[in-house]
């Protein structure tokens, strides 16, 4: 990560990090993605961790019920690239 690009803008710093095979980046990821077809996806690299939220929305799910689907997506999150025990950054 020492050679990453860093752009400094007014009131903003943007770092471009290659997430592929980057255990430090992967271990700290806290994002959920919403796909165009209505699924929550906690990791871009994993192909079997989708959680359907569109169907419950179409069936009239309230906020309490939807929260269960978001919590399930968070439960499915795990680092794809496991950090090394010797990695001092973690």
PDB file of N, CA and C in Angstrom:
ATOM      1  N   UNK A   1       0.819  -1.202   0.000  1.00  0.00           N
ATOM      2  CA  UNK A   1       0.000   0.000   0.000  1.00  0.00           C
ATOM      3  C   UNK A   1       0.857   1.258   0.000  1.00  0.00           C
ATOM      4  N   UNK A   2       2.164   1.101   0.047  1.00  0.00           N
ATOM      5  CA  UNK A   2       3.020   2.280   0.093  1.00  0.00           C
ATOM      6  C   UNK A   2       2.995   3.055  -1.214  1.00  0.00           C
ATOM      7  N   UNK A   3       2.697   2.414  -2.333  1.00  0.00           N
ATOM      8  CA  UNK A   3       2.705   3.092  -3.631  1.00  0.00           C
ATOM      9  C   UNK A   3       1.314   3.487  -4.110  1.00  0.00           C
ATOM     10  N   UNK A   4       0.365   3.607  -3.197  1.00  0.00           N
ATOM     11  CA  UNK A   4      -0.996   3.946  -3.602  1.00  0.00           C
ATOM     12  C   UNK A   4      -1.076   5.418  -3.990  1.00  0.00           C
ATOM     13  N   UNK A   5      -1.999   5.714  -4.868  1.00  0.00           N
ATOM     14  CA  UNK A   5      -2.208   7.098  -5.290  1.00  0.00           C
ATOM     15  C   UNK A   5      -3.075   7.816  -4.265  1.00  0.00           C
ATOM     16  N   UNK A   6      -2.675   9.019  -3.915  1.00  0.00           N
ATOM     17  CA  UNK A   6      -3.433   9.848  -2.987  1.00  0.00           C
ATOM     18  C   UNK A   6      -3.681  11.187  -3.667  1.00  0.00           C
ATOM     19  N   UNK A   7      -4.948  11.558  -3.759  1.00  0.00           N
ATOM     20  CA  UNK A   7      -5.349  12.839  -4.343  1.00  0.00           C
ATOM     21  C   UNK A   7      -5.880  13.721  -3.231  1.00  0.00           C
ATOM     22  N   UNK A   8      -5.360  14.942  -3.147  1.00  0.00           N
ATOM     23  CA  UNK A   8      -5.820  15.877  -2.137  1.00  0.00           C
ATOM     24  C   UNK A   8      -6.648  16.961  -2.818  1.00  0.00           C
ATOM     25  N   UNK A   9      -7.882  17.043  -2.378  1.00  0.00           N
ATOM     26  CA  UNK A   9      -8.819  18.039  -2.889  1.00  0.00           C
ATOM     27  C   UNK A   9      -9.235  18.930  -1.727  1.00  0.00           C
ATOM     28  N   UNK A  10      -9.849  20.077  -1.986  1.00  0.00           N
ATOM     29  CA  UNK A  10     -10.315  20.894  -0.865  1.00  0.00           C
ATOM     30  C   UNK A  10     -11.237  20.082   0.058  1.00  0.00           C
ATOM     31  N   UNK A  11     -10.872  19.991   1.315  1.00  0.00           N
ATOM     32  CA  UNK A  11     -11.655  19.299   2.349  1.00  0.00           C
ATOM     33  C   UNK A  11     -11.833  17.803   2.099  1.00  0.00           C
ATOM     34  N   UNK A  12     -10.980  17.206   1.274  1.00  0.00           N
ATOM     35  CA  UNK A  12     -11.156  15.797   0.942  1.00  0.00           C
ATOM     36  C   UNK A  12      -9.831  15.178   0.533  1.00  0.00           C
ATOM     37  N   UNK A  13      -9.591  13.969   1.004  1.00  0.00           N
ATOM     38  CA  UNK A  13      -8.420  13.201   0.600  1.00  0.00           C
ATOM     39  C   UNK A  13      -8.931  11.871   0.052  1.00  0.00           C
ATOM     40  N   UNK A  14      -8.513  11.525  -1.158  1.00  0.00           N
ATOM     41  CA  UNK A  14      -8.958  10.307  -1.817  1.00  0.00           C
ATOM     42  C   UNK A  14      -7.742   9.408  -2.029  1.00  0.00           C
ATOM     43  N   UNK A  15      -7.864   8.164  -1.548  1.00  0.00           N
ATOM     44  CA  UNK A  15      -6.805   7.185  -1.747  1.00  0.00           C
ATOM     45  C   UNK A  15      -7.325   6.093  -2.660  1.00  0.00           C
ATOM     46  N   UNK A  16      -6.530   5.730  -3.647  1.00  0.00           N
ATOM     47  CA  UNK A  16      -6.894   4.646  -4.550  1.00  0.00           C
ATOM     48  C   UNK A  16      -6.134   3.405  -4.090  1.00  0.00           C
ATOM     49  N   UNK A  17      -6.882   2.395  -3.646  1.00  0.00           N
ATOM     50  CA  UNK A  17      -6.296   1.189  -3.081  1.00  0.00           C
ATOM     51  C   UNK A  17      -6.768   0.001  -3.899  1.00  0.00           C
ATOM     52  N   UNK A  18      -5.844  -0.846  -4.275  1.00  0.00           N
ATOM     53  CA  UNK A  18      -6.195  -2.079  -4.963  1.00  0.00           C
ATOM     54  C   UNK A  18      -6.654  -3.078  -3.914  1.00  0.00           C
ATOM     55  N   UNK A  19      -7.926  -3.414  -3.917  1.00  0.00           N
ATOM     56  CA  UNK A  19      -8.454  -4.318  -2.902  1.00  0.00           C
ATOM     57  C   UNK A  19      -8.125  -5.774  -3.183  1.00  0.00           C
ATOM     58  N   UNK A  20      -7.750  -6.098  -4.388  1.00  0.00           N
ATOM     59  CA  UNK A  20      -7.446  -7.485  -4.713  1.00  0.00           C
ATOM     60  C   UNK A  20      -6.208  -7.954  -3.968  1.00  0.00           C
ATOM     61  N   UNK A  21      -6.356  -9.051  -3.268  1.00  0.00           N
ATOM     62  CA  UNK A  21      -5.280  -9.644  -2.488  1.00  0.00           C
ATOM     63  C   UNK A  21      -4.668  -8.675  -1.489  1.00  0.00           C
ATOM     64  N   UNK A  22      -5.468  -7.774  -0.966  1.00  0.00           N
ATOM     65  CA  UNK A  22      -5.012  -6.790  -0.001  1.00  0.00           C
ATOM     66  C   UNK A  22      -5.709  -7.084   1.321  1.00  0.00           C
ATOM     67  N   UNK A  23      -5.093  -7.874   2.169  1.00  0.00           N
ATOM     68  CA  UNK A  23      -5.747  -8.321   3.394  1.00  0.00           C
ATOM     69  C   UNK A  23      -6.042  -7.174   4.351  1.00  0.00           C
ATOM     70  N   UNK A  24      -5.211  -6.148   4.406  1.00  0.00           N
ATOM     71  CA  UNK A  24      -5.465  -5.014   5.301  1.00  0.00           C
ATOM     72  C   UNK A  24      -6.719  -4.265   4.873  1.00  0.00           C
ATOM     73  N   UNK A  25      -6.857  -4.026   3.593  1.00  0.00           N
ATOM     74  CA  UNK A  25      -8.044  -3.348   3.075  1.00  0.00           C
ATOM     75  C   UNK A  25      -9.283  -4.210   3.289  1.00  0.00           C
ATOM     76  N   UNK A  26      -9.175  -5.464   2.959  1.00  0.00           N
ATOM     77  CA  UNK A  26     -10.288  -6.404   3.045  1.00  0.00           C
ATOM     78  C   UNK A  26     -10.763  -6.571   4.496  1.00  0.00           C
ATOM     79  N   UNK A  27      -9.853  -6.677   5.436  1.00  0.00           N
ATOM     80  CA  UNK A  27     -10.203  -6.893   6.837  1.00  0.00           C
ATOM     81  C   UNK A  27     -10.952  -5.708   7.430  1.00  0.00           C
ATOM     82  N   UNK A  28     -10.729  -4.525   6.901  1.00  0.00           N
ATOM     83  CA  UNK A  28     -11.370  -3.318   7.436  1.00  0.00           C
ATOM     84  C   UNK A  28     -12.612  -2.884   6.649  1.00  0.00           C
ATOM     85  N   UNK A  29     -12.965  -3.643   5.640  1.00  0.00           N
ATOM     86  CA  UNK A  29     -14.114  -3.269   4.815  1.00  0.00           C
ATOM     87  C   UNK A  29     -15.402  -3.360   5.638  1.00  0.00           C
ATOM     88  N   UNK A  30     -16.200  -2.316   5.571  1.00  0.00           N
ATOM     89  CA  UNK A  30     -17.470  -2.278   6.313  1.00  0.00           C
ATOM     90  C   UNK A  30     -18.603  -1.857   5.386  1.00  0.00           C
ATOM     91  N   UNK A  31     -18.537  -2.248   4.142  1.00  0.00           N
ATOM     92  CA  UNK A  31     -19.520  -1.794   3.158  1.00  0.00           C
ATOM     93  C   UNK A  31     -20.516  -2.878   2.812  1.00  0.00           C
ATOM     94  N   UNK A  32     -21.705  -2.440   2.501  1.00  0.00           N
ATOM     95  CA  UNK A  32     -22.723  -3.280   1.887  1.00  0.00           C
ATOM     96  C   UNK A  32     -23.016  -2.660   0.540  1.00  0.00           C
ATOM     97  N   UNK A  33     -23.154  -3.473  -0.466  1.00  0.00           N
ATOM     98  CA  UNK A  33     -23.498  -2.965  -1.796  1.00  0.00           C
ATOM     99  C   UNK A  33     -24.918  -3.402  -2.105  1.00  0.00           C
ATOM    100  N   UNK A  34     -25.648  -2.559  -2.809  1.00  0.00           N
ATOM    101  CA  UNK A  34     -26.986  -2.892  -3.288  1.00  0.00           C
ATOM    102  C   UNK A  34     -26.888  -3.078  -4.787  1.00  0.00           C
ATOM    103  N   UNK A  35     -27.199  -4.287  -5.258  1.00  0.00           N
ATOM    104  CA  UNK A  35     -27.095  -4.570  -6.685  1.00  0.00           C
ATOM    105  C   UNK A  35     -28.286  -3.974  -7.421  1.00  0.00           C
ATOM    106  N   UNK A  36     -28.160  -3.877  -8.728  1.00  0.00           N
ATOM    107  CA  UNK A  36     -29.235  -3.297  -9.541  1.00  0.00           C
ATOM    108  C   UNK A  36     -30.494  -4.156  -9.546  1.00  0.00           C
ATOM    109  N   UNK A  37     -30.379  -5.418  -9.148  1.00  0.00           N
ATOM    110  CA  UNK A  37     -31.563  -6.280  -9.111  1.00  0.00           C
ATOM    111  C   UNK A  37     -32.054  -6.543  -7.684  1.00  0.00           C
ATOM    112  N   UNK A  38     -31.650  -5.688  -6.725  1.00  0.00           N
ATOM    113  CA  UNK A  38     -32.251  -5.704  -5.398  1.00  0.00           C
ATOM    114  C   UNK A  38     -31.661  -6.643  -4.374  1.00  0.00           C
ATOM    115  N   UNK A  39     -30.393  -6.945  -4.488  1.00  0.00           N
ATOM    116  CA  UNK A  39     -29.735  -7.807  -3.513  1.00  0.00           C
ATOM    117  C   UNK A  39     -28.676  -7.014  -2.761  1.00  0.00           C
ATOM    118  N   UNK A  40     -28.549  -7.265  -1.458  1.00  0.00           N
ATOM    119  CA  UNK A  40     -27.437  -6.738  -0.681  1.00  0.00           C
ATOM    120  C   UNK A  40     -26.267  -7.692  -0.854  1.00  0.00           C
ATOM    121  N   UNK A  41     -25.088  -7.123  -1.013  1.00  0.00           N
ATOM    122  CA  UNK A  41     -23.879  -7.936  -1.217  1.00  0.00           C
ATOM    123  C   UNK A  41     -22.787  -7.393  -0.305  1.00  0.00           C
ATOM    124  N   UNK A  42     -22.387  -8.167   0.724  1.00  0.00           N
ATOM    125  CA  UNK A  42     -21.382  -7.671   1.651  1.00  0.00           C
ATOM    126  C   UNK A  42     -19.940  -7.751   1.157  1.00  0.00           C
ATOM    127  N   UNK A  43     -19.656  -8.576   0.147  1.00  0.00           N
ATOM    128  CA  UNK A  43     -18.290  -8.686  -0.378  1.00  0.00           C
ATOM    129  C   UNK A  43     -18.338  -8.834  -1.890  1.00  0.00           C
ATOM    130  N   UNK A  44     -17.562  -8.025  -2.571  1.00  0.00           N
ATOM    131  CA  UNK A  44     -17.530  -8.102  -4.037  1.00  0.00           C
ATOM    132  C   UNK A  44     -16.879  -9.381  -4.539  1.00  0.00           C
ATOM    133  N   UNK A  45     -15.997  -9.969  -3.747  1.00  0.00           N
ATOM    134  CA  UNK A  45     -15.229 -11.118  -4.199  1.00  0.00           C
ATOM    135  C   UNK A  45     -15.953 -12.453  -3.985  1.00  0.00           C
ATOM    136  N   UNK A  46     -16.951 -12.479  -3.131  1.00  0.00           N
ATOM    137  CA  UNK A  46     -17.667 -13.717  -2.820  1.00  0.00           C
ATOM    138  C   UNK A  46     -18.914 -13.793  -3.696  1.00  0.00           C
ATOM    139  N   UNK A  47     -19.162 -14.960  -4.268  1.00  0.00           N
ATOM    140  CA  UNK A  47     -20.265 -15.102  -5.217  1.00  0.00           C
ATOM    141  C   UNK A  47     -21.543 -15.670  -4.610  1.00  0.00           C
ATOM    142  N   UNK A  48     -21.519 -16.083  -3.351  1.00  0.00           N
ATOM    143  CA  UNK A  48     -22.708 -16.711  -2.777  1.00  0.00           C
ATOM    144  C   UNK A  48     -23.205 -16.029  -1.502  1.00  0.00           C
ATOM    145  N   UNK A  49     -23.020 -14.716  -1.399  1.00  0.00           N
ATOM    146  CA  UNK A  49     -23.411 -14.024  -0.168  1.00  0.00           C
ATOM    147  C   UNK A  49     -24.528 -12.996  -0.376  1.00  0.00           C
ATOM    148  N   UNK A  50     -25.310 -13.138  -1.416  1.00  0.00           N
ATOM    149  CA  UNK A  50     -26.382 -12.196  -1.709  1.00  0.00           C
ATOM    150  C   UNK A  50     -27.540 -12.340  -0.719  1.00  0.00           C
ATOM    151  N   UNK A  51     -28.168 -11.210  -0.375  1.00  0.00           N
ATOM    152  CA  UNK A  51     -29.375 -11.211   0.453  1.00  0.00           C
ATOM    153  C   UNK A  51     -30.428 -10.412  -0.302  1.00  0.00           C
ATOM    154  N   UNK A  52     -31.536 -11.047  -0.628  1.00  0.00           N
ATOM    155  CA  UNK A  52     -32.615 -10.416  -1.391  1.00  0.00           C
ATOM    156  C   UNK A  52     -33.388  -9.438  -0.509  1.00  0.00           C
ATOM    157  N   UNK A  53     -33.428  -8.167  -0.904  1.00  0.00           N
ATOM    158  CA  UNK A  53     -34.262  -7.183  -0.200  1.00  0.00           C
ATOM    159  C   UNK A  53     -35.387  -6.665  -1.085  1.00  0.00           C
ATOM    160  N   UNK A  54     -35.279  -6.884  -2.390  1.00  0.00           N
ATOM    161  CA  UNK A  54     -36.318  -6.401  -3.307  1.00  0.00           C
ATOM    162  C   UNK A  54     -37.632  -7.158  -3.105  1.00  0.00           C
ATOM    163  N   UNK A  55     -37.563  -8.461  -2.984  1.00  0.00           N
ATOM    164  CA  UNK A  55     -38.780  -9.255  -2.797  1.00  0.00           C
ATOM    165  C   UNK A  55     -39.517  -8.855  -1.519  1.00  0.00           C
ATOM    166  N   UNK A  56     -38.838  -8.752  -0.379  1.00  0.00           N
ATOM    167  CA  UNK A  56     -39.548  -8.299   0.821  1.00  0.00           C
ATOM    168  C   UNK A  56     -40.139  -6.892   0.660  1.00  0.00           C
ATOM    169  N   UNK A  57     -39.402  -6.001  -0.010  1.00  0.00           N
ATOM    170  CA  UNK A  57     -39.943  -4.648  -0.239  1.00  0.00           C
ATOM    171  C   UNK A  57     -41.215  -4.701  -1.066  1.00  0.00           C
ATOM    172  N   UNK A  58     -41.194  -5.502  -2.106  1.00  0.00           N
ATOM    173  CA  UNK A  58     -42.376  -5.641  -2.962  1.00  0.00           C
ATOM    174  C   UNK A  58     -43.546  -6.283  -2.222  1.00  0.00           C
ATOM    175  N   UNK A  59     -43.230  -7.085  -1.209  1.00  0.00           N
ATOM    176  CA  UNK A  59     -44.279  -7.738  -0.421  1.00  0.00           C
ATOM    177  C   UNK A  59     -44.725  -6.908   0.775  1.00  0.00           C
ATOM    178  N   UNK A  60     -44.237  -5.661   0.865  1.00  0.00           N
ATOM    179  CA  UNK A  60     -44.700  -4.742   1.907  1.00  0.00           C
ATOM    180  C   UNK A  60     -43.975  -4.824   3.229  1.00  0.00           C
ATOM    181  N   UNK A  61     -42.734  -5.297   3.235  1.00  0.00           N
ATOM    182  CA  UNK A  61     -41.976  -5.399   4.483  1.00  0.00           C
ATOM    183  C   UNK A  61     -41.811  -4.033   5.134  1.00  0.00           C
ATOM    184  N   UNK A  62     -41.952  -3.997   6.459  1.00  0.00           N
ATOM    185  CA  UNK A  62     -41.745  -2.745   7.186  1.00  0.00           C
ATOM    186  C   UNK A  62     -40.262  -2.615   7.567  1.00  0.00           C
ATOM    187  N   UNK A  63     -39.912  -1.505   8.187  1.00  0.00           N
ATOM    188  CA  UNK A  63     -38.512  -1.246   8.534  1.00  0.00           C
ATOM    189  C   UNK A  63     -37.935  -2.308   9.469  1.00  0.00           C
ATOM    190  N   UNK A  64     -38.744  -2.801  10.394  1.00  0.00           N
ATOM    191  CA  UNK A  64     -38.267  -3.824  11.329  1.00  0.00           C
ATOM    192  C   UNK A  64     -37.917  -5.106  10.594  1.00  0.00           C
ATOM    193  N   UNK A  65     -38.764  -5.511   9.657  1.00  0.00           N
ATOM    194  CA  UNK A  65     -38.477  -6.719   8.887  1.00  0.00           C
ATOM    195  C   UNK A  65     -37.270  -6.515   7.983  1.00  0.00           C
ATOM    196  N   UNK A  66     -37.165  -5.349   7.347  1.00  0.00           N
ATOM    197  CA  UNK A  66     -36.022  -5.070   6.474  1.00  0.00           C
ATOM    198  C   UNK A  66     -34.708  -5.071   7.248  1.00  0.00           C
ATOM    199  N   UNK A  67     -34.775  -4.624   8.496  1.00  0.00           N
ATOM    200  CA  UNK A  67     -33.569  -4.609   9.322  1.00  0.00           C
ATOM    201  C   UNK A  67     -32.997  -6.022   9.459  1.00  0.00           C
ATOM    202  N   UNK A  68     -33.857  -7.021   9.519  1.00  0.00           N
ATOM    203  CA  UNK A  68     -33.402  -8.409   9.616  1.00  0.00           C
ATOM    204  C   UNK A  68     -32.574  -8.803   8.391  1.00  0.00           C
ATOM    205  N   UNK A  69     -32.977  -8.342   7.224  1.00  0.00           N
ATOM    206  CA  UNK A  69     -32.235  -8.669   6.001  1.00  0.00           C
ATOM    207  C   UNK A  69     -30.874  -7.967   5.982  1.00  0.00           C
ATOM    208  N   UNK A  70     -30.838  -6.725   6.436  1.00  0.00           N
ATOM    209  CA  UNK A  70     -29.566  -6.011   6.512  1.00  0.00           C
ATOM    210  C   UNK A  70     -28.635  -6.688   7.521  1.00  0.00           C
ATOM    211  N   UNK A  71     -29.177  -7.105   8.652  1.00  0.00           N
ATOM    212  CA  UNK A  71     -28.361  -7.786   9.660  1.00  0.00           C
ATOM    213  C   UNK A  71     -27.851  -9.124   9.129  1.00  0.00           C
ATOM    214  N   UNK A  72     -28.650  -9.803   8.330  1.00  0.00           N
ATOM    215  CA  UNK A  72     -28.199 -11.063   7.719  1.00  0.00           C
ATOM    216  C   UNK A  72     -27.034 -10.803   6.759  1.00  0.00           C
ATOM    217  N   UNK A  73     -27.122  -9.728   5.989  1.00  0.00           N
ATOM    218  CA  UNK A  73     -26.028  -9.385   5.078  1.00  0.00           C
ATOM    219  C   UNK A  73     -24.755  -9.082   5.864  1.00  0.00           C
ATOM    220  N   UNK A  74     -24.877  -8.372   6.969  1.00  0.00           N
ATOM    221  CA  UNK A  74     -23.713  -8.073   7.807  1.00  0.00           C
ATOM    222  C   UNK A  74     -23.161  -9.371   8.401  1.00  0.00           C
ATOM    223  N   UNK A  75     -24.037 -10.280   8.818  1.00  0.00           N
ATOM    224  CA  UNK A  75     -23.599 -11.556   9.382  1.00  0.00           C
ATOM    225  C   UNK A  75     -22.792 -12.365   8.361  1.00  0.00           C
ATOM    226  N   UNK A  76     -23.138 -12.241   7.092  1.00  0.00           N
ATOM    227  CA  UNK A  76     -22.447 -12.991   6.038  1.00  0.00           C
ATOM    228  C   UNK A  76     -21.096 -12.395   5.661  1.00  0.00           C
ATOM    229  N   UNK A  77     -20.799 -11.217   6.175  1.00  0.00           N
ATOM    230  CA  UNK A  77     -19.543 -10.566   5.831  1.00  0.00           C
ATOM    231  C   UNK A  77     -18.379 -11.235   6.546  1.00  0.00           C
ATOM    232  N   UNK A  78     -17.334 -11.509   5.812  1.00  0.00           N
ATOM    233  CA  UNK A  78     -16.072 -11.982   6.376  1.00  0.00           C
ATOM    234  C   UNK A  78     -14.996 -11.606   5.369  1.00  0.00           C
ATOM    235  N   UNK A  79     -13.802 -11.323   5.838  1.00  0.00           N
ATOM    236  CA  UNK A  79     -12.742 -10.947   4.902  1.00  0.00           C
ATOM    237  C   UNK A  79     -12.470 -12.060   3.897  1.00  0.00           C
ATOM    238  N   UNK A  80     -12.483 -11.715   2.640  1.00  0.00           N
ATOM    239  CA  UNK A  80     -12.180 -12.679   1.582  1.00  0.00           C
ATOM    240  C   UNK A  80     -10.705 -13.033   1.611  1.00  0.00           C
ATOM    241  N   UNK A  81      -9.877 -12.007   1.721  1.00  0.00           N
ATOM    242  CA  UNK A  81      -8.437 -12.209   1.840  1.00  0.00           C
ATOM    243  C   UNK A  81      -8.096 -12.149   3.320  1.00  0.00           C
ATOM    244  N   UNK A  82      -7.795 -13.273   3.907  1.00  0.00           N
ATOM    245  CA  UNK A  82      -7.530 -13.341   5.339  1.00  0.00           C
ATOM    246  C   UNK A  82      -6.191 -12.684   5.661  1.00  0.00           C
ATOM    247  N   UNK A  83      -6.175 -11.857   6.707  1.00  0.00           N
ATOM    248  CA  UNK A  83      -4.921 -11.188   7.079  1.00  0.00           C
ATOM    249  C   UNK A  83      -3.894 -12.187   7.595  1.00  0.00           C
ATOM    250  N   UNK A  84      -2.666 -11.883   7.327  1.00  0.00           N
ATOM    251  CA  UNK A  84      -1.551 -12.689   7.825  1.00  0.00           C
ATOM    252  C   UNK A  84      -1.333 -12.358   9.306  1.00  0.00           C
ATOM    253  N   UNK A  85      -1.018 -13.341  10.100  1.00  0.00           N
ATOM    254  CA  UNK A  85      -0.758 -13.119  11.530  1.00  0.00           C
ATOM    255  C   UNK A  85       0.462 -12.221  11.728  1.00  0.00           C
ATOM    256  N   UNK A  86       1.360 -12.219  10.756  1.00  0.00           N
ATOM    257  CA  UNK A  86       2.592 -11.424  10.869  1.00  0.00           C
ATOM    258  C   UNK A  86       2.393 -10.002  10.344  1.00  0.00           C
ATOM    259  N   UNK A  87       1.204  -9.652   9.856  1.00  0.00           N
ATOM    260  CA  UNK A  87       0.960  -8.335   9.284  1.00  0.00           C
ATOM    261  C   UNK A  87       0.862  -7.308  10.409  1.00  0.00           C
ATOM    262  N   UNK A  88       1.852  -6.408  10.565  1.00  0.00           N
ATOM    263  CA  UNK A  88       1.849  -5.443  11.661  1.00  0.00           C
ATOM    264  C   UNK A  88       0.775  -4.359  11.504  1.00  0.00           C
ATOM    265  N   UNK A  89       0.180  -4.216  10.328  1.00  0.00           N
ATOM    266  CA  UNK A  89      -0.818  -3.178  10.087  1.00  0.00           C
ATOM    267  C   UNK A  89      -2.163  -3.539  10.700  1.00  0.00           C
ATOM    268  N   UNK A  90      -2.351  -4.798  11.059  1.00  0.00           N
ATOM    269  CA  UNK A  90      -3.662  -5.244  11.554  1.00  0.00           C
ATOM    270  C   UNK A  90      -3.682  -5.368  13.042  1.00  0.00           C
TER     271      UNK A  90
END
